[in-house]
């Protein structure tokens, strides 16, 4: 089969790989119908996760590359003997988190920290940017797709929407009538914008440097948009919501500048929810924050709200496909990576790759 394979920093190749087989009785093999590229995949390509090769060599004594990708929709091709709820022929959403549902962390719904799984697809085991993928713990990690949900919208339920919803909106405790600030109008920030609306906040302010993304945010429900190039962000926020600041600030980029925005504009008793993946230290202004009775949260998606979001989307009038800006055939995966690597220049939000 064809697959996109990471071989080391700066080295990814679209090449032939063996079709995966059932290894454990709880596995399924899924034929990919649609997949996509995540910012995390770009991070791996840039060398942010050298442990991938180290762990592979430790476990097997060799390194043949890692198939990337942790998002997908597909048709179940085969299942292990212990799989009870998923059957051959089912169309399924592939969750980015594999969960055994029996370890101590799973029993606390910390599925992202599953002792036997967690985020492993496209990381510790081969992922979804291939014609077929082996999925561990199939009964717990595959979600049957109803006929009334678009395959491409379902693709967003693999990772982007649950991540935004759980780590941004839920951890931020977005409530009816709240004022919400979202730093970053990328896929996760847009997902936070969409899923925050399920909780009826009064104001949602989207902040980004990309005017095209801000225009899209307005079309998808943002009440206000701010481009940092237009002036001091905090002042613009206070002009909108008042000098106290916002109830909820969602940091969805992962750089010091957007962390500063959030810690500077949240009100007393408010929440700062960090969704962005940070690779550098930030200036935590504890001398100013200690008195504000804030809640500051971080986390990795547990995918424990995916089924709820699936039901909400099925009955929603919102066009979630607006996030899916570029479409490619699976054989054009290299071209899709080139577009996604230069997302700002290409106006790319999420790319969709469809099997031929």
Protein backbone atom coordinates (compact mmCIF):
# COMPACT_ATOMS: atom_id res chain seq x y z
CA UNK A 1 0.00 0.00 0.00
CA UNK A 2 1.00 3.67 -0.36
CA UNK A 3 1.73 5.68 2.78
CA UNK A 4 3.38 8.91 3.96
CA UNK A 5 6.37 7.85 6.03
CA UNK A 6 8.59 9.85 8.39
CA UNK A 7 12.23 8.75 8.30
CA UNK A 8 13.82 11.50 10.41
CA UNK A 9 13.94 15.26 10.77
CA UNK A 10 12.96 16.88 7.46
CA UNK A 11 12.56 13.53 5.73
CA UNK A 12 9.08 12.30 4.82
CA UNK A 13 8.42 10.09 1.80
CA UNK A 14 5.31 8.86 -0.03
CA UNK A 15 6.25 5.23 -0.52
CA UNK A 16 5.19 1.59 -0.54
CA UNK A 17 4.65 -0.12 2.82
CA UNK A 18 3.23 -3.54 3.73
CA UNK A 19 -0.49 -3.64 4.41
CA UNK A 20 -1.08 -3.89 8.19
CA UNK A 21 -2.33 -7.09 9.78
CA UNK A 22 -4.19 -7.93 12.98
CA UNK A 23 -1.66 -8.27 15.81
CA UNK A 24 -3.79 -8.27 18.97
CA UNK A 25 -7.27 -9.74 19.41
CA UNK A 26 -8.66 -6.24 20.10
CA UNK A 27 -7.35 -4.80 16.79
CA UNK A 28 -9.14 -3.84 13.62
CA UNK A 29 -7.72 -3.05 10.21
CA UNK A 30 -9.48 -0.14 8.50
CA UNK A 31 -9.40 0.82 4.82
CA UNK A 32 -9.02 4.59 4.74
CA UNK A 33 -11.73 6.53 2.90
CA UNK A 34 -10.65 10.02 3.97
CA UNK A 35 -7.74 11.36 6.00
CA UNK A 36 -6.08 14.71 6.69
CA UNK A 37 -2.91 16.39 7.91
CA UNK A 38 -2.54 17.86 11.40
CA UNK A 39 -0.12 20.48 12.66
CA UNK A 40 1.29 17.72 14.84
CA UNK A 41 2.34 15.85 11.70
CA UNK A 42 4.26 18.93 10.57
CA UNK A 43 5.89 19.08 14.00
CA UNK A 44 7.08 15.49 13.63
CA UNK A 45 8.42 16.25 10.14
CA UNK A 46 10.35 19.20 11.59
CA UNK A 47 11.99 16.91 14.16
CA UNK A 48 10.02 17.84 17.30
CA UNK A 49 9.54 14.17 18.27
CA UNK A 50 12.88 12.35 17.98
CA UNK A 51 11.60 9.80 20.52
CA UNK A 52 9.65 8.14 17.68
CA UNK A 53 12.81 6.63 16.24
CA UNK A 54 14.36 5.98 19.65
CA UNK A 55 11.36 4.00 20.89
CA UNK A 56 11.11 2.03 17.64
CA UNK A 57 14.76 1.00 17.86
CA UNK A 58 14.36 0.08 21.52
CA UNK A 59 11.32 -2.11 20.83
CA UNK A 60 12.33 -3.76 17.57
CA UNK A 61 16.03 -3.08 17.14
CA UNK A 62 15.44 -1.39 13.79
CA UNK A 63 13.97 1.73 12.21
CA UNK A 64 11.99 1.60 8.98
CA UNK A 65 10.17 4.89 9.41
CA UNK A 66 6.77 5.74 10.85
CA UNK A 67 3.57 6.20 8.87
CA UNK A 68 2.14 9.56 9.89
CA UNK A 69 -1.44 10.59 10.64
CA UNK A 70 -3.95 10.13 13.44
CA UNK A 71 -7.22 11.25 11.81
CA UNK A 72 -9.43 9.36 9.43
CA UNK A 73 -12.72 7.89 8.29
CA UNK A 74 -12.75 4.41 6.82
CA UNK A 75 -14.36 1.01 6.29
CA UNK A 76 -13.50 -1.85 8.65
CA UNK A 77 -11.62 -4.50 6.68
CA UNK A 78 -10.95 -7.08 9.42
CA UNK A 79 -11.27 -7.43 13.19
CA UNK A 80 -9.56 -9.43 15.91
CA UNK A 81 -11.31 -12.26 17.74
CA UNK A 82 -12.01 -10.11 20.83
CA UNK A 83 -13.74 -7.27 18.95
CA UNK A 84 -17.47 -7.36 19.70
CA UNK A 85 -19.07 -4.02 18.76
CA UNK A 86 -17.30 -3.22 15.50
CA UNK A 87 -17.77 -5.48 12.50
CA UNK A 88 -16.35 -5.84 9.01
CA UNK A 89 -18.00 -3.36 6.65
CA UNK A 90 -18.76 -0.70 9.27
CA UNK A 91 -17.93 2.88 8.29
CA UNK A 92 -16.11 4.41 11.26
CA UNK A 93 -14.41 7.51 12.60
CA UNK A 94 -10.88 6.70 13.75
CA UNK A 95 -10.21 8.42 17.06
CA UNK A 96 -6.82 10.07 17.50
CA UNK A 97 -6.69 8.49 20.97
CA UNK A 98 -6.57 4.70 21.40
CA UNK A 99 -7.99 3.61 24.75
CA UNK A 100 -7.98 0.26 26.48
CA UNK A 101 -10.68 1.34 29.01
CA UNK A 102 -9.22 -0.97 31.65
CA UNK A 103 -6.11 0.79 33.06
CA UNK A 104 -6.21 3.19 36.02
CA UNK A 105 -6.06 6.31 33.85
CA UNK A 106 -8.82 5.11 31.54
CA UNK A 107 -11.02 4.48 34.58
CA UNK A 108 -10.68 8.20 35.34
CA UNK A 109 -11.50 9.04 31.68
CA UNK A 110 -7.91 10.18 31.17
CA UNK A 111 -7.85 8.31 27.90
CA UNK A 112 -5.04 10.45 26.51
CA UNK A 113 -2.88 8.90 29.25
CA UNK A 114 -4.04 5.32 28.68
CA UNK A 115 -1.25 3.02 29.88
CA UNK A 116 -1.68 0.85 26.80
CA UNK A 117 -2.64 3.43 24.21
CA UNK A 118 -3.30 7.16 24.23
CA UNK A 119 -2.04 9.18 21.27
CA UNK A 120 -0.06 6.46 19.52
CA UNK A 121 -1.37 6.50 15.91
CA UNK A 122 1.17 8.17 13.66
CA UNK A 123 3.48 8.46 16.65
CA UNK A 124 4.35 5.24 18.46
CA UNK A 125 2.61 3.03 15.86
CA UNK A 126 1.84 3.52 12.17
CA UNK A 127 -0.94 5.97 11.43
CA UNK A 128 -3.74 6.91 9.07
CA UNK A 129 -1.94 8.57 6.14
CA UNK A 130 -1.99 5.24 4.35
CA UNK A 131 -4.43 3.12 2.40
CA UNK A 132 -4.96 0.90 5.46
CA UNK A 133 -4.33 1.31 9.19
CA UNK A 134 -4.29 -1.06 12.16
CA UNK A 135 -6.30 0.43 15.04
CA UNK A 136 -5.80 -0.95 18.57
CA UNK A 137 -8.73 -1.39 20.99
CA UNK A 138 -11.19 -1.17 18.12
CA UNK A 139 -14.33 -1.41 20.25
CA UNK A 140 -13.27 1.68 22.23
CA UNK A 141 -11.39 3.67 19.62
CA UNK A 142 -13.57 3.41 16.50
CA UNK A 143 -16.93 5.18 16.30
CA UNK A 144 -19.62 4.01 13.90
CA UNK A 145 -20.58 6.77 11.50
CA UNK A 146 -24.31 7.46 10.99
CA UNK A 147 -25.49 7.86 7.42
CA UNK A 148 -26.73 11.40 8.08
CA UNK A 149 -23.25 12.77 8.87
CA UNK A 150 -21.00 13.89 6.02
CA UNK A 151 -17.74 11.90 5.79
CA UNK A 152 -15.69 15.08 5.63
CA UNK A 153 -17.34 16.62 8.69
CA UNK A 154 -16.79 13.30 10.48
CA UNK A 155 -13.09 13.66 9.72
CA UNK A 156 -13.03 16.69 12.03
CA UNK A 157 -14.27 14.44 14.84
CA UNK A 158 -11.09 12.38 14.78
CA UNK A 159 -9.15 15.12 16.54
CA UNK A 160 -9.75 18.82 15.78
CA UNK A 161 -13.25 19.23 17.20
CA UNK A 162 -12.88 17.03 20.32
CA UNK A 163 -9.55 18.73 21.14
CA UNK A 164 -11.04 22.20 20.78
CA UNK A 165 -14.16 21.28 22.69
CA UNK A 166 -12.62 19.39 25.61
CA UNK A 167 -9.38 21.28 26.24
CA UNK A 168 -10.61 24.70 25.13
CA UNK A 169 -14.34 25.01 25.69
CA UNK A 170 -15.01 22.50 28.48
CA UNK A 171 -11.83 23.17 30.46
CA UNK A 172 -12.47 26.88 29.94
CA UNK A 173 -15.97 26.34 31.35
CA UNK A 174 -17.68 28.37 28.64
CA UNK A 175 -21.20 29.15 29.87
CA UNK A 176 -24.29 31.00 28.61
CA UNK A 177 -23.71 34.74 28.43
CA UNK A 178 -19.90 34.49 28.71
CA UNK A 179 -17.36 36.62 26.90
CA UNK A 180 -14.80 34.40 25.16
CA UNK A 181 -11.45 35.29 23.58
CA UNK A 182 -9.74 32.79 21.25
CA UNK A 183 -6.10 33.36 20.33
CA UNK A 184 -5.45 31.68 17.00
CA UNK A 185 -7.82 31.03 14.09
CA UNK A 186 -6.23 27.77 12.96
CA UNK A 187 -8.10 24.45 12.92
CA UNK A 188 -8.13 24.14 16.73
CA UNK A 189 -9.10 27.76 17.28
CA UNK A 190 -11.88 27.45 14.70
CA UNK A 191 -13.00 24.25 16.38
CA UNK A 192 -13.20 26.13 19.67
CA UNK A 193 -15.23 28.85 17.95
CA UNK A 194 -17.71 26.29 16.60
CA UNK A 195 -18.07 24.17 19.72
CA UNK A 196 -18.21 27.17 22.08
CA UNK A 197 -21.45 28.13 20.36
CA UNK A 198 -23.06 24.97 21.78
CA UNK A 199 -22.95 26.77 25.17
CA UNK A 200 -24.46 30.13 24.06
CA UNK A 201 -21.75 32.64 25.03
CA UNK A 202 -22.69 36.28 24.44
CA UNK A 203 -19.43 37.33 22.81
CA UNK A 204 -16.72 35.41 20.95
CA UNK A 205 -13.62 37.37 19.94
CA UNK A 206 -11.28 35.67 17.47
CA UNK A 207 -7.69 36.93 17.23
CA UNK A 208 -5.29 36.11 14.39
CA UNK A 209 -2.79 37.73 12.02
CA UNK A 210 -4.46 36.22 8.93
CA UNK A 211 -7.29 38.38 7.58
CA UNK A 212 -8.68 35.51 5.49
CA UNK A 213 -9.03 33.37 8.61
CA UNK A 214 -10.64 36.23 10.51
CA UNK A 215 -13.15 36.63 7.68
CA UNK A 216 -13.89 32.90 7.91
CA UNK A 217 -14.25 33.18 11.70
CA UNK A 218 -16.84 35.93 11.28
CA UNK A 219 -18.79 33.71 8.86
CA UNK A 220 -18.63 30.84 11.37
CA UNK A 221 -20.01 32.75 14.33
CA UNK A 222 -17.38 35.06 15.83
CA UNK A 223 -18.99 38.28 17.06
CA UNK A 224 -15.71 40.23 16.84
CA UNK A 225 -12.28 39.75 15.26
CA UNK A 226 -8.93 41.30 16.14
CA UNK A 227 -5.74 41.42 14.10
CA UNK A 228 -2.74 42.18 16.37
CA UNK A 229 -1.29 44.21 13.50
CA UNK A 230 -4.07 46.75 14.03
CA UNK A 231 -2.91 47.72 17.53
CA UNK A 232 -2.69 46.63 21.15
CA UNK A 233 -4.77 43.47 21.57
CA UNK A 234 -5.64 44.01 25.25
CA UNK A 235 -6.94 47.52 24.57
CA UNK A 236 -9.11 46.26 21.71
CA UNK A 237 -10.50 43.48 23.91
CA UNK A 238 -11.29 45.91 26.74
CA UNK A 239 -13.01 48.24 24.26
CA UNK A 240 -15.32 45.34 23.36
CA UNK A 241 -16.04 43.72 26.75
CA UNK A 242 -15.09 46.37 29.30
CA UNK A 243 -12.06 46.91 31.50
CA UNK A 244 -12.61 43.78 33.59
CA UNK A 245 -11.70 41.53 30.65
CA UNK A 246 -13.13 38.27 29.35
CA UNK A 247 -14.62 35.33 31.21
CA UNK A 248 -12.70 32.77 29.15
CA UNK A 249 -9.45 33.05 27.20
CA UNK A 250 -8.56 30.09 24.96
CA UNK A 251 -4.93 29.93 23.82
CA UNK A 252 -4.87 27.91 20.59
CA UNK A 253 -1.47 28.65 19.05
CA UNK A 254 1.29 27.61 21.45
CA UNK A 255 3.68 30.58 21.42
CA UNK A 256 4.63 33.08 24.15
CA UNK A 257 2.87 36.00 22.43
CA UNK A 258 -0.57 34.37 22.48
CA UNK A 259 -0.09 33.16 26.07
CA UNK A 260 0.64 36.80 27.02
CA UNK A 261 -2.53 37.94 25.30
CA UNK A 262 -4.61 35.50 27.30
CA UNK A 263 -3.08 36.15 30.71
CA UNK A 264 -3.39 39.89 30.18
CA UNK A 265 -7.08 40.05 29.27
CA UNK A 266 -8.85 37.50 31.50
CA UNK A 267 -11.02 38.89 34.29
CA UNK A 268 -10.97 38.01 37.99
CA UNK A 269 -12.58 34.62 38.47
CA UNK A 270 -12.06 33.79 34.81
CA UNK A 271 -10.49 30.85 33.03
CA UNK A 272 -7.48 30.47 30.77
CA UNK A 273 -7.58 27.24 28.75
CA UNK A 274 -4.32 26.37 27.00
CA UNK A 275 -4.87 24.20 23.93
CA UNK A 276 -1.82 25.26 21.92
CA UNK A 277 1.24 22.98 21.88
CA UNK A 278 4.04 25.01 23.48
CA UNK A 279 7.66 24.34 22.58
CA UNK A 280 9.20 27.25 24.49
CA UNK A 281 8.96 28.64 28.02
CA UNK A 282 6.52 31.50 28.63
CA UNK A 283 6.50 34.38 31.10
CA UNK A 284 3.97 33.38 33.73
CA UNK A 285 3.07 36.66 35.46
CA UNK A 286 2.19 35.14 38.80
CA UNK A 287 2.80 38.45 40.58
CA UNK A 288 -0.24 39.82 38.73
CA UNK A 289 -2.32 36.66 38.46
CA UNK A 290 -2.22 35.32 42.02
CA UNK A 291 -4.90 37.72 43.21
CA UNK A 292 -7.35 37.08 40.36
CA UNK A 293 -8.85 33.73 41.43
CA UNK A 294 -8.16 32.29 38.00
CA UNK A 295 -8.38 28.75 36.72
CA UNK A 296 -5.62 27.89 34.26
CA UNK A 297 -5.88 24.53 32.50
CA UNK A 298 -3.85 22.50 30.04
CA UNK A 299 -4.34 19.08 28.55
CA UNK A 300 -4.33 16.53 25.78
CA UNK A 301 -7.64 15.49 24.25
CA UNK A 302 -9.34 12.45 25.82
CA UNK A 303 -11.98 12.09 23.06
CA UNK A 304 -14.61 11.39 25.71
CA UNK A 305 -17.03 13.86 24.05
CA UNK A 306 -16.72 12.65 20.45
CA UNK A 307 -20.06 10.83 20.40
CA UNK A 308 -21.80 13.85 21.94
CA UNK A 309 -20.30 16.12 19.32
CA UNK A 310 -21.32 13.67 16.61
CA UNK A 311 -24.96 13.99 17.71
CA UNK A 312 -24.72 17.78 18.00
CA UNK A 313 -23.23 18.14 14.53
CA UNK A 314 -25.82 15.82 13.01
CA UNK A 315 -28.58 18.26 14.02
CA UNK A 316 -26.64 21.53 13.66
CA UNK A 317 -27.46 24.15 11.02
CA UNK A 318 -23.78 25.24 11.02
CA UNK A 319 -21.78 24.32 7.92
CA UNK A 320 -18.74 22.64 9.45
CA UNK A 321 -17.32 21.94 5.99
CA UNK A 322 -16.17 25.58 5.86
CA UNK A 323 -13.09 24.40 7.77
CA UNK A 324 -12.19 21.99 4.96
CA UNK A 325 -10.57 24.36 2.51
CA UNK A 326 -8.55 22.06 0.22
CA UNK A 327 -9.30 18.67 -1.32
CA UNK A 328 -6.86 16.18 -2.81
CA UNK A 329 -6.77 12.61 -4.01
CA UNK A 330 -4.79 10.31 -1.74
CA UNK A 331 -2.16 9.97 -4.47
CA UNK A 332 -1.62 13.74 -4.16
CA UNK A 333 -0.53 13.50 -0.52
CA UNK A 334 2.85 15.13 -1.21
CA UNK A 335 1.12 18.09 -2.85
CA UNK A 336 -1.29 18.32 0.09
CA UNK A 337 1.66 18.48 2.51
CA UNK A 338 3.22 21.28 0.47
CA UNK A 339 -0.03 23.26 0.63
CA UNK A 340 -0.48 22.65 4.35
CA UNK A 341 3.15 23.52 5.14
CA UNK A 342 2.45 26.94 3.62
CA UNK A 343 -1.08 27.29 4.98
CA UNK A 344 -1.09 31.08 5.25
CA UNK A 345 0.03 31.64 1.67
CA UNK A 346 -2.46 29.07 0.38
CA UNK A 347 -5.42 30.00 2.58
CA UNK A 348 -5.46 26.46 3.94
CA UNK A 349 -7.32 25.47 7.10
CA UNK A 350 -7.78 21.70 6.80
CA UNK A 351 -6.97 19.54 3.79
CA UNK A 352 -9.01 16.48 2.90
CA UNK A 353 -7.42 13.45 1.22
CA UNK A 354 -9.82 11.03 -0.42
CA UNK A 355 -9.04 7.44 -1.39
CA UNK A 356 -9.34 6.71 -5.09
